[in-house]
Protein backbone atom coordinates (compact mmCIF):
# COMPACT_ATOMS: atom_id res chain seq x y z
CA UNK A 1 152.27 109.05 15.22
CA UNK A 2 149.15 110.34 16.93
CA UNK A 3 149.45 112.41 20.09
CA UNK A 4 147.27 111.74 23.15
CA UNK A 5 144.42 114.16 22.36
CA UNK A 6 144.08 112.93 18.79
CA UNK A 7 144.12 109.34 19.98
CA UNK A 8 141.29 110.02 22.43
CA UNK A 9 139.17 111.91 19.89
CA UNK A 10 139.71 109.43 17.06
CA UNK A 11 139.25 106.46 19.39
CA UNK A 12 135.91 107.79 20.66
CA UNK A 13 134.66 108.71 17.21
CA UNK A 14 135.73 105.42 15.67
CA UNK A 15 134.23 103.43 18.55
CA UNK A 16 130.87 105.21 18.26
CA UNK A 17 130.76 104.75 14.49
CA UNK A 18 131.65 101.07 14.63
CA UNK A 19 129.14 100.52 17.42
CA UNK A 20 126.36 102.27 15.47
CA UNK A 21 127.00 100.27 12.31
CA UNK A 22 127.21 96.94 14.15
CA UNK A 23 124.08 97.85 16.12
CA UNK A 24 122.16 98.13 12.86
CA UNK A 25 123.58 94.79 11.68
CA UNK A 26 122.56 93.26 15.03
CA UNK A 27 119.03 94.58 14.57
CA UNK A 28 118.85 93.05 11.08
CA UNK A 29 120.13 89.69 12.29
CA UNK A 30 117.81 89.44 15.31
CA UNK A 31 114.65 90.80 13.67
CA UNK A 32 112.37 87.87 12.85
CA UNK A 33 110.89 89.61 9.80
CA UNK A 34 114.25 90.52 8.25
CA UNK A 35 115.72 88.72 5.27
CA UNK A 36 119.01 88.43 7.19
CA UNK A 37 117.45 86.82 10.29
CA UNK A 38 119.57 84.10 11.85
CA UNK A 39 117.98 81.19 13.70
CA UNK A 40 120.44 80.54 16.53
CA UNK A 41 120.80 76.77 16.62
CA UNK A 42 124.52 76.16 17.10
CA UNK A 43 127.30 77.38 19.35
CA UNK A 44 129.01 79.14 16.44
CA UNK A 45 125.90 81.19 15.71
CA UNK A 46 125.51 81.97 19.42
CA UNK A 47 129.15 83.12 19.55
CA UNK A 48 128.53 85.32 16.50
CA UNK A 49 125.55 86.98 18.23
CA UNK A 50 127.59 87.55 21.41
CA UNK A 51 130.36 89.12 19.32
CA UNK A 52 127.84 91.44 17.70
CA UNK A 53 126.49 92.42 21.12
CA UNK A 54 130.00 93.21 22.37
CA UNK A 55 130.68 95.44 19.37
CA UNK A 56 127.22 97.04 19.36
CA UNK A 57 127.08 97.49 23.13
CA UNK A 58 128.00 101.18 23.39
CA UNK A 59 125.30 102.24 20.93
CA UNK A 60 122.65 100.05 22.56
CA UNK A 61 123.59 101.30 26.01
CA UNK A 62 123.57 104.92 24.83
CA UNK A 63 120.07 104.53 23.36
CA UNK A 64 118.77 102.91 26.55
CA UNK A 65 120.27 105.63 28.75
CA UNK A 66 118.95 108.38 26.50
CA UNK A 67 115.46 106.87 26.51
CA UNK A 68 115.56 106.56 30.31
CA UNK A 69 116.74 110.15 30.62
CA UNK A 70 113.73 111.31 28.59
CA UNK A 71 111.19 109.07 30.34
CA UNK A 72 112.68 109.39 33.81
CA UNK A 73 112.29 105.77 34.90
CA UNK A 74 115.92 105.40 36.06
CA UNK A 75 117.66 107.51 38.69
CA UNK A 76 119.96 110.18 37.26
CA UNK A 77 123.04 108.46 38.69
CA UNK A 78 122.24 105.28 36.71
CA UNK A 79 121.73 107.24 33.51
CA UNK A 80 124.99 109.15 33.80
CA UNK A 81 126.86 106.01 34.83
CA UNK A 82 125.55 104.35 31.64
CA UNK A 83 126.69 107.34 29.58
CA UNK A 84 130.14 107.14 31.20
CA UNK A 85 130.36 103.40 30.56
CA UNK A 86 129.30 104.01 26.96
CA UNK A 87 132.11 106.54 26.48
CA UNK A 88 134.73 104.23 27.99
CA UNK A 89 133.49 101.19 26.03
CA UNK A 90 133.49 103.17 22.78
CA UNK A 91 136.99 104.44 23.42
CA UNK A 92 138.31 100.95 24.12
CA UNK A 93 136.68 99.64 20.96
CA UNK A 94 137.99 102.53 18.85
CA UNK A 95 141.45 102.39 20.42
CA UNK A 96 141.76 98.67 19.64
CA UNK A 97 140.89 99.34 16.01
CA UNK A 98 143.31 102.29 15.89
CA UNK A 99 146.11 100.11 17.25
CA UNK A 100 145.41 97.52 14.58
CA UNK A 101 145.43 100.11 11.78
CA UNK A 102 148.18 102.48 12.99
CA UNK A 103 150.89 100.11 14.10
């Protein structure tokens, strides 16, 4: 059984990795020039896209906050709040997967 520190570290790492991979899949699916582009015409396809956004959210939010930190168009409190939300979201995602695998 994992102790608390290992659970936090593995949950964060697993959440960031899953989010990064799904973010790349989301980019392939929504890019109009990609071979894997999906024309969203039904509710099932729309639900699939929303599911991808939920899983890819931490990576997308991290990239947006990092870009805003470099450009300086958001206040610092917004940027660091986005980073904090990204960490929590990644941990929740990774923890859910850990609970499914290590039961």
